[in-house]
Amino acid sequence: MSRRYLHGGAVLGTLVLLLAVVTAAYFAGWWPFAASQRPGLVSVHVTPHSESFFARNWSYYLRAVPAENPGPRPTDEAAWKELFPGMAADPATRDLLQRLCGGLPTEFVVLDNEASDNALTKTPPEGFAISMRVINLGSHKAKTVEGETLFGLIALGRATLIRDAGSAGDVAGLLKAMTDRPSDGESFGLAVEDYMLRHGTGWFVVGGPIFEQGKLQQDPHEHRADLDRRIQAFAEKSADYYDKLRGKK
């Protein structure tokens, strides 16, 4: 009797210990499917997230940067022609675009003007989560209140593939994150403005189909400070958006 009692007590103790371990694992989220089975808790699964965007015939125009003693500057045609190849070859521009894309690995590519819409949105290559692509569709000149002004047309595309995105069970929260997506046009415009300011081209690229005569900042230091504030605000918004997609918030 005593032997059976000791044996039964050992079995009971083992079962109690096993139950305690399973319970702890369950509530810690280690047990398979525990999170999805626990009421009131959100299940998070790691799944790829893929999306894309493109637009054609976006219009930009060039305005001369005001200066008390303007030095030599390229023609507006030359500034427009060299803008995008210069950005693609500029390490600081690539770093900035990555910052504006939530810190995810980002490439920037200039495509020839024969490229298709599919080329603008094809999946990013290995090593990149985001690809931004631009096509220079040419330019024309038109009379404005500032005289003859160069208007350029572009096609802009962006493709995203986040391989470790977290798809949360909170569908409403995920949909809200999608509606809060940072503007591709704004991030690209900030990168253009940064490039032209850093390289002192003497020109300022303004987006929009209609020429608007607004005051341009004459002091480059004030312009730099203002641009840095806008870049920081956009980068914070973008980081928040991509963190939500990856299940980090």
Protein backbone atom coordinates (compact mmCIF):
# COMPACT_ATOMS: atom_id res chain seq x y z
CA MET A 1 0.00 0.00 0.00
CA SER A 2 2.72 2.38 0.92
CA ARG A 3 4.52 1.70 -2.37
CA ARG A 4 1.33 2.32 -4.38
CA TYR A 5 0.68 5.48 -2.42
CA LEU A 6 4.16 6.83 -3.06
CA HIS A 7 3.95 5.94 -6.74
CA GLY A 8 0.53 7.59 -7.08
CA GLY A 9 1.79 10.69 -5.28
CA ALA A 10 4.76 10.94 -7.65
CA VAL A 11 2.47 10.64 -10.68
CA LEU A 12 0.13 13.25 -9.26
CA GLY A 13 3.05 15.59 -8.55
CA THR A 14 4.34 15.15 -12.11
CA LEU A 15 0.91 15.88 -13.56
CA VAL A 16 0.56 19.01 -11.44
CA LEU A 17 4.02 20.21 -12.53
CA LEU A 18 3.24 19.49 -16.20
CA LEU A 19 -0.07 21.36 -15.96
CA ALA A 20 1.71 24.34 -14.41
CA VAL A 21 4.28 24.41 -17.23
CA VAL A 22 1.61 24.15 -19.93
CA THR A 23 -0.46 26.88 -18.28
CA ALA A 24 2.55 29.18 -18.04
CA ALA A 25 3.48 28.50 -21.64
CA TYR A 26 -0.09 29.09 -22.75
CA PHE A 27 -0.36 32.51 -21.17
CA ALA A 28 3.15 33.51 -22.21
CA GLY A 29 2.22 32.75 -25.82
CA TRP A 30 4.74 29.89 -26.24
CA TRP A 31 2.16 27.13 -26.68
CA PRO A 32 1.19 26.57 -30.34
CA PHE A 33 -1.88 28.62 -31.33
CA ALA A 34 -2.27 29.85 -27.75
CA ALA A 35 -2.63 33.48 -28.78
CA SER A 36 -5.34 32.76 -31.33
CA GLN A 37 -7.29 30.61 -28.86
CA ARG A 38 -7.18 33.00 -25.90
CA PRO A 39 -10.26 35.24 -25.83
CA GLY A 40 -9.56 38.97 -25.85
CA LEU A 41 -5.99 38.67 -27.17
CA VAL A 42 -4.86 39.58 -30.69
CA SER A 43 -3.29 36.96 -32.91
CA VAL A 44 -0.26 38.10 -34.91
CA HIS A 45 0.97 36.11 -37.88
CA VAL A 46 4.06 36.90 -39.91
CA THR A 47 3.01 37.20 -43.55
CA PRO A 48 4.40 39.12 -46.53
CA HIS A 49 2.82 42.48 -47.27
CA SER A 50 2.82 43.60 -50.90
CA GLU A 51 1.41 46.76 -52.47
CA SER A 52 2.24 49.24 -55.23
CA PHE A 53 1.42 52.67 -56.61
CA PHE A 54 2.06 54.55 -59.81
CA ALA A 55 0.98 57.75 -61.52
CA ARG A 56 1.77 59.25 -64.90
CA ASN A 57 1.96 62.82 -66.16
CA TRP A 58 2.64 64.45 -62.83
CA SER A 59 3.63 68.02 -63.53
CA TYR A 60 6.48 69.99 -61.97
CA TYR A 61 7.89 73.39 -62.83
CA LEU A 62 11.21 75.07 -62.16
CA ARG A 63 11.59 78.42 -60.45
CA ALA A 64 14.84 80.30 -60.07
CA VAL A 65 15.99 80.57 -56.46
CA PRO A 66 16.20 84.27 -55.51
CA ALA A 67 19.63 85.59 -54.59
CA GLU A 68 21.11 89.05 -54.12
CA ASN A 69 24.21 88.11 -56.09
CA PRO A 70 23.22 85.11 -58.24
CA GLY A 71 26.13 83.13 -59.53
CA PRO A 72 26.27 80.94 -62.61
CA ARG A 73 23.59 78.32 -62.80
CA PRO A 74 22.67 75.64 -65.31
CA THR A 75 19.83 76.30 -67.69
CA ASP A 76 16.44 75.10 -66.59
CA GLU A 77 16.55 72.41 -69.32
CA ALA A 78 19.93 71.14 -68.05
CA ALA A 79 18.79 71.22 -64.41
CA TRP A 80 15.69 69.19 -65.26
CA LYS A 81 17.56 66.69 -67.43
CA GLU A 82 20.21 66.00 -64.80
CA LEU A 83 17.93 66.00 -61.76
CA PHE A 84 16.83 62.36 -61.57
CA PRO A 85 20.09 60.68 -62.69
CA GLY A 86 21.87 62.89 -60.15
CA MET A 87 19.49 61.80 -57.38
CA ALA A 88 19.88 58.11 -58.26
CA ALA A 89 23.68 58.40 -58.07
CA ASP A 90 23.64 60.39 -54.81
CA PRO A 91 24.16 58.30 -51.62
CA ALA A 92 22.58 61.01 -49.44
CA THR A 93 19.39 60.90 -51.53
CA ARG A 94 19.18 57.14 -51.23
CA ASP A 95 19.66 57.38 -47.46
CA LEU A 96 16.98 60.07 -47.23
CA LEU A 97 14.46 58.04 -49.23
CA GLN A 98 15.05 55.09 -46.92
CA ARG A 99 14.45 57.33 -43.92
CA LEU A 100 11.25 58.62 -45.54
CA CYS A 101 10.16 55.02 -46.09
CA GLY A 102 10.22 54.05 -42.43
CA GLY A 103 13.87 52.96 -42.44
CA LEU A 104 13.15 49.98 -44.70
CA PRO A 105 15.77 49.15 -47.38
CA THR A 106 14.81 51.38 -50.31
CA GLU A 107 16.16 51.70 -53.83
CA PHE A 108 15.65 54.57 -56.26
CA VAL A 109 15.79 53.87 -59.97
CA VAL A 110 15.41 56.07 -63.05
CA LEU A 111 13.68 54.25 -65.91
CA ASP A 112 13.76 55.22 -69.58
CA ASN A 113 10.69 56.88 -71.03
CA GLU A 114 9.66 53.71 -72.85
CA ALA A 115 9.20 51.80 -69.58
CA SER A 116 5.76 50.30 -68.94
CA ASP A 117 3.49 50.71 -65.95
CA ASN A 118 4.50 47.19 -64.90
CA ALA A 119 8.12 48.33 -64.72
CA LEU A 120 7.05 51.07 -62.30
CA THR A 121 5.40 48.60 -59.93
CA LYS A 122 7.27 45.31 -60.27
CA THR A 123 8.39 43.58 -57.06
CA PRO A 124 11.49 45.10 -55.43
CA PRO A 125 14.67 43.09 -56.01
CA GLU A 126 16.23 40.95 -53.31
CA GLY A 127 17.66 43.06 -50.53
CA PHE A 128 15.08 45.84 -50.82
CA ALA A 129 11.65 46.21 -49.24
CA ILE A 130 10.70 49.29 -51.29
CA SER A 131 11.52 50.43 -54.82
CA MET A 132 10.85 53.98 -55.96
CA ARG A 133 11.02 54.54 -59.71
CA VAL A 134 10.73 57.64 -61.83
CA ILE A 135 10.51 58.32 -65.56
CA ASN A 136 11.29 61.72 -67.06
CA LEU A 137 8.52 62.15 -69.64
CA GLY A 138 9.97 65.35 -71.03
CA SER A 139 9.29 69.03 -70.61
CA HIS A 140 7.82 72.09 -72.29
CA LYS A 141 7.87 75.83 -71.68
CA ALA A 142 4.94 78.12 -71.05
CA LYS A 143 4.49 81.79 -70.24
CA THR A 144 3.84 82.59 -66.57
CA VAL A 145 3.92 85.75 -64.44
CA GLU A 146 7.64 85.11 -63.94
CA GLY A 147 8.28 84.77 -67.65
CA GLU A 148 8.99 81.64 -69.63
CA THR A 149 8.80 78.67 -67.25
CA LEU A 150 9.83 75.08 -67.80
CA PHE A 151 7.21 72.47 -66.97
CA GLY A 152 8.32 68.85 -66.69
CA LEU A 153 6.26 65.66 -66.64
CA ILE A 154 7.13 62.49 -64.79
CA ALA A 155 5.78 59.04 -64.06
CA LEU A 156 6.33 57.91 -60.49
CA GLY A 157 6.03 54.37 -59.20
CA ARG A 158 6.55 52.62 -55.89
CA ALA A 159 6.50 48.92 -55.09
CA THR A 160 6.59 47.44 -51.59
CA LEU A 161 7.26 43.91 -50.40
CA ILE A 162 7.71 43.51 -46.64
CA ARG A 163 8.48 39.87 -46.08
CA ASP A 164 8.12 39.97 -42.29
CA ALA A 165 4.96 42.03 -41.99
CA GLY A 166 2.73 41.29 -39.03
CA SER A 167 -0.92 40.87 -39.94
CA ALA A 168 -2.83 41.63 -36.75
CA GLY A 169 -6.24 40.24 -35.92
CA ASP A 170 -7.40 43.81 -35.35
CA VAL A 171 -8.66 44.35 -38.91
CA ALA A 172 -10.03 47.81 -38.15
CA GLY A 173 -6.64 48.92 -36.86
CA LEU A 174 -4.90 47.56 -39.94
CA LEU A 175 -7.34 49.33 -42.27
CA LYS A 176 -6.80 52.59 -40.39
CA ALA A 177 -3.05 52.17 -40.84
CA MET A 178 -3.59 51.80 -44.59
CA THR A 179 -5.63 55.02 -44.77
CA ASP A 180 -2.83 56.82 -42.91
CA ARG A 181 -0.26 55.75 -45.50
CA PRO A 182 2.35 58.47 -46.12
CA SER A 183 2.08 60.16 -49.53
CA ASP A 184 4.46 58.87 -52.19
CA GLY A 185 4.35 62.23 -53.92
CA GLU A 186 5.28 64.06 -50.73
CA SER A 187 8.22 61.80 -49.91
CA PHE A 188 9.53 62.13 -53.47
CA GLY A 189 9.04 65.92 -53.40
CA LEU A 190 11.03 66.20 -50.16
CA ALA A 191 13.87 64.18 -51.69
CA VAL A 192 13.89 66.41 -54.79
CA GLU A 193 13.90 69.58 -52.70
CA ASP A 194 16.71 68.24 -50.51
CA TYR A 195 18.84 67.28 -53.50
CA MET A 196 18.51 70.62 -55.24
CA LEU A 197 19.19 72.57 -52.05
CA ARG A 198 22.29 70.54 -51.17
CA HIS A 199 23.70 70.85 -54.67
CA GLY A 200 23.02 74.56 -55.01
CA THR A 201 21.62 74.28 -58.53
CA GLY A 202 19.96 77.70 -58.30
CA TRP A 203 16.61 76.15 -59.16
CA PHE A 204 13.65 75.03 -57.12
CA VAL A 205 11.30 72.30 -58.37
CA VAL A 206 7.63 72.85 -57.53
CA GLY A 207 4.94 70.23 -57.99
CA GLY A 208 1.60 71.09 -59.55
CA PRO A 209 -0.03 71.52 -62.96
CA ILE A 210 -0.64 75.25 -62.47
CA PHE A 211 2.07 77.82 -61.84
CA GLU A 212 1.66 79.43 -58.43
CA GLN A 213 3.63 82.55 -57.64
CA GLY A 214 4.62 82.14 -54.01
CA LYS A 215 7.54 83.56 -52.10
CA LEU A 216 10.65 81.40 -52.23
CA GLN A 217 13.02 81.45 -49.28
CA GLN A 218 16.11 83.48 -50.06
CA ASP A 219 18.21 82.45 -47.07
CA PRO A 220 19.49 78.88 -47.67
CA HIS A 221 19.97 78.34 -43.92
CA GLU A 222 16.33 79.14 -43.19
CA HIS A 223 15.28 76.96 -46.10
CA ARG A 224 17.42 74.10 -44.80
CA ALA A 225 15.96 74.38 -41.30
CA ASP A 226 12.39 74.44 -42.63
CA LEU A 227 13.03 71.46 -44.90
CA ASP A 228 14.63 69.48 -42.08
CA ARG A 229 11.54 70.03 -39.93
CA ARG A 230 9.26 68.76 -42.70
CA ILE A 231 11.50 65.75 -43.33
CA GLN A 232 11.52 64.85 -39.64
CA ALA A 233 7.73 65.08 -39.37
CA PHE A 234 7.25 62.90 -42.47
CA ALA A 235 9.85 60.35 -41.34
CA GLU A 236 8.11 59.95 -37.96
CA LYS A 237 4.74 59.44 -39.63
CA SER A 238 6.23 56.93 -42.05
CA ALA A 239 8.02 54.98 -39.31
CA ASP A 240 4.76 54.75 -37.37
CA TYR A 241 2.91 53.48 -40.44
CA TYR A 242 5.44 50.78 -41.28
CA ASP A 243 5.75 49.72 -37.64
CA LYS A 244 2.00 49.06 -37.64
CA LEU A 245 2.26 47.01 -40.82
CA ARG A 246 5.02 44.94 -39.27
CA GLY A 247 3.00 44.33 -36.12
CA LYS A 248 5.31 46.39 -33.92
CA LYS A 249 2.49 48.66 -32.69
